[in-house]
Amino acid sequence: MLLTYASDILHSEGMQSEKNYRQHRDVSCYEHSIAGALMSVRLASFLRIKLNMRSLVRGALLHDYFLYDWHDADKSHRFHGFIHARRALRNAERDFTLTAIERDIIVKHMFPLNPRPPRFRESLIVIVADRICAFREILSPAVTRIKKTEKMSNDAN
């Protein structure tokens, strides 16, 4: 499903560079982005609500497209939780043509830390999926994560 809707994103230089940036513990931004997209698809399927699956997948993949390692001791990363959504949107708009839904997903995925509420169902699903994935990445043992990542890579192809 990811390749069907977002082959251009998955194969882009920017997305491939996410493999070099750590997100949570030993999980790369790339792995987190794929996990978030797959979890979003699972939640949407479970909820059986009408939505734009293409925008859901693409927005979920790009929600953390900020393209830096926020763990680096750089003053510009100090308020990462508050600012990275706008940076991700700026990068995504530079590299891809986005729909209104995709823009909303990216810029609002940190709600309520970023106070503007989401406008679309797809955005709400990505918010929930992102939290689930972040908690799993932070709390689950590394071996389990490696196995899940291998399975996700197989599912993505």
Protein backbone atom coordinates (compact mmCIF):
# COMPACT_ATOMS: atom_id res chain seq x y z
CA MET A 1 0.00 0.00 0.00
CA LEU A 2 2.82 2.43 0.79
CA LEU A 3 4.46 1.92 -2.59
CA THR A 4 1.12 2.30 -4.36
CA TYR A 5 0.53 5.78 -2.96
CA ALA A 6 4.01 7.05 -2.12
CA SER A 7 6.71 5.40 -4.21
CA ASP A 8 8.11 8.84 -5.07
CA ILE A 9 8.38 9.75 -1.39
CA LEU A 10 9.90 6.44 -0.31
CA HIS A 11 12.59 6.60 -3.00
CA SER A 12 13.35 10.31 -2.62
CA GLU A 13 16.72 11.54 -1.44
CA GLY A 14 15.14 13.33 1.53
CA MET A 15 13.25 10.27 2.77
CA GLN A 16 16.32 8.08 2.32
CA SER A 17 18.32 10.60 4.39
CA GLU A 18 15.90 9.99 7.29
CA LYS A 19 17.74 6.68 7.78
CA ASN A 20 20.64 8.77 9.17
CA TYR A 21 18.57 10.59 11.80
CA ARG A 22 17.55 9.06 15.10
CA GLN A 23 13.96 9.56 16.18
CA HIS A 24 13.24 7.59 19.39
CA ARG A 25 15.98 5.55 21.06
CA ASP A 26 17.56 3.45 18.30
CA VAL A 27 14.74 3.93 15.78
CA SER A 28 15.53 6.08 12.74
CA CYS A 29 13.18 8.76 11.44
CA TYR A 30 12.75 6.59 8.35
CA GLU A 31 11.63 3.57 10.40
CA HIS A 32 9.35 5.79 12.48
CA SER A 33 7.79 7.31 9.35
CA ILE A 34 7.07 3.90 7.83
CA ALA A 35 5.69 2.62 11.13
CA GLY A 36 3.46 5.71 11.39
CA ALA A 37 2.11 5.24 7.88
CA LEU A 38 1.41 1.54 8.38
CA MET A 39 -0.24 2.17 11.76
CA SER A 40 -2.37 4.91 10.17
CA VAL A 41 -3.57 2.50 7.49
CA ARG A 42 -4.35 -0.13 10.14
CA LEU A 43 -6.32 2.36 12.25
CA ALA A 44 -8.25 3.63 9.23
CA SER A 45 -9.12 0.06 8.22
CA PHE A 46 -10.18 -0.79 11.76
CA LEU A 47 -12.38 2.32 12.06
CA ARG A 48 -13.94 1.79 8.61
CA ILE A 49 -14.41 5.48 8.00
CA LYS A 50 -14.39 7.17 4.62
CA LEU A 51 -11.16 9.03 3.98
CA ASN A 52 -8.51 9.79 1.40
CA MET A 53 -6.11 6.84 1.75
CA ARG A 54 -3.54 8.35 -0.59
CA SER A 55 -3.31 11.57 1.45
CA LEU A 56 -3.31 9.58 4.69
CA VAL A 57 -0.30 7.50 3.59
CA ARG A 58 1.63 10.42 2.10
CA GLY A 59 0.99 12.75 5.04
CA ALA A 60 1.91 10.04 7.54
CA LEU A 61 5.19 9.35 5.75
CA LEU A 62 6.05 13.07 5.73
CA HIS A 63 4.85 14.02 9.22
CA ASP A 64 8.44 14.05 10.59
CA TYR A 65 10.20 15.17 7.41
CA PHE A 66 12.28 17.74 9.31
CA LEU A 67 15.57 16.17 8.07
CA TYR A 68 17.93 16.66 11.01
CA ASP A 69 18.90 14.75 14.15
CA TRP A 70 17.08 16.59 16.91
CA HIS A 71 19.32 14.90 19.49
CA ASP A 72 22.34 16.94 18.32
CA ALA A 73 23.42 19.69 20.69
CA ASP A 74 22.31 22.47 18.35
CA LYS A 75 20.43 25.48 19.73
CA SER A 76 18.04 25.41 16.77
CA HIS A 77 16.77 22.01 17.98
CA ARG A 78 16.02 23.19 21.52
CA PHE A 79 12.25 23.46 20.99
CA HIS A 80 12.02 20.53 18.58
CA GLY A 81 8.63 19.33 19.85
CA PHE A 82 7.10 22.71 19.11
CA ILE A 83 8.81 23.57 15.81
CA HIS A 84 9.56 20.38 13.89
CA ALA A 85 6.09 20.08 12.33
CA ARG A 86 6.52 23.42 10.54
CA ARG A 87 10.03 22.44 9.43
CA ALA A 88 8.69 19.12 8.14
CA LEU A 89 5.97 20.95 6.21
CA ARG A 90 8.46 23.40 4.70
CA ASN A 91 10.70 20.53 3.52
CA ALA A 92 7.77 18.49 2.22
CA GLU A 93 6.39 21.47 0.26
CA ARG A 94 9.83 22.00 -1.24
CA ASP A 95 10.20 18.36 -2.35
CA PHE A 96 6.63 17.27 -3.19
CA THR A 97 3.25 18.56 -4.34
CA LEU A 98 0.96 18.32 -1.31
CA THR A 99 -2.80 18.28 -0.87
CA ALA A 100 -4.54 20.31 1.83
CA ILE A 101 -5.04 17.08 3.81
CA GLU A 102 -1.34 16.20 3.61
CA ARG A 103 -0.35 19.71 4.75
CA ASP A 104 -2.78 19.49 7.66
CA ILE A 105 -1.45 16.06 8.70
CA ILE A 106 2.14 17.28 8.72
CA VAL A 107 1.68 20.60 10.49
CA LYS A 108 -0.91 19.39 13.04
CA HIS A 109 0.48 15.97 14.00
CA MET A 110 1.80 17.33 17.31
CA PHE A 111 -1.61 18.55 18.50
CA PRO A 112 -2.16 19.58 21.30
CA LEU A 113 1.53 20.52 21.77
CA ASN A 114 0.98 22.66 18.69
CA PRO A 115 -2.35 24.29 19.62
CA ARG A 116 -4.12 24.42 16.23
CA PRO A 117 -6.52 21.45 16.00
CA PRO A 118 -6.58 19.19 12.94
CA ARG A 119 -9.20 19.82 10.22
CA PHE A 120 -9.41 16.35 8.68
CA ARG A 121 -10.09 12.78 9.80
CA GLU A 122 -6.82 11.74 8.22
CA SER A 123 -4.94 14.13 10.50
CA LEU A 124 -6.60 12.70 13.61
CA ILE A 125 -5.68 9.18 12.56
CA VAL A 126 -2.02 10.13 12.05
CA ILE A 127 -1.94 11.89 15.44
CA VAL A 128 -3.13 8.69 17.16
CA ALA A 129 -0.87 6.45 15.04
CA ASP A 130 2.15 8.65 15.77
CA ARG A 131 1.55 8.42 19.53
CA ILE A 132 1.15 4.65 19.39
CA CYS A 133 4.37 4.26 17.40
CA ALA A 134 6.32 6.67 19.61
CA PHE A 135 5.27 4.84 22.78
CA ARG A 136 6.19 1.49 21.23
CA GLU A 137 9.56 2.78 20.08
CA ILE A 138 10.38 4.28 23.45
CA LEU A 139 9.10 1.43 25.61
CA SER A 140 9.66 -1.82 23.70
CA PRO A 141 12.98 -3.72 23.74
CA ALA A 142 15.37 -3.23 20.82
CA VAL A 143 15.13 -6.84 19.62
CA THR A 144 11.36 -6.61 19.28
CA ARG A 145 11.71 -3.35 17.35
CA ILE A 146 14.22 -4.86 14.94
CA LYS A 147 11.84 -7.73 14.18
CA LYS A 148 8.93 -5.32 13.70
CA THR A 149 11.01 -3.11 11.41
CA GLU A 150 12.02 -6.08 9.26
CA LYS A 151 8.36 -7.10 8.98
CA MET A 152 7.33 -3.52 8.16
CA SER A 153 9.93 -3.34 5.40
CA ASN A 154 8.55 -6.53 3.91
CA ASP A 155 4.97 -5.19 4.23
CA ALA A 156 5.96 -1.92 2.55
CA ASN A 157 7.24 -3.76 -0.52
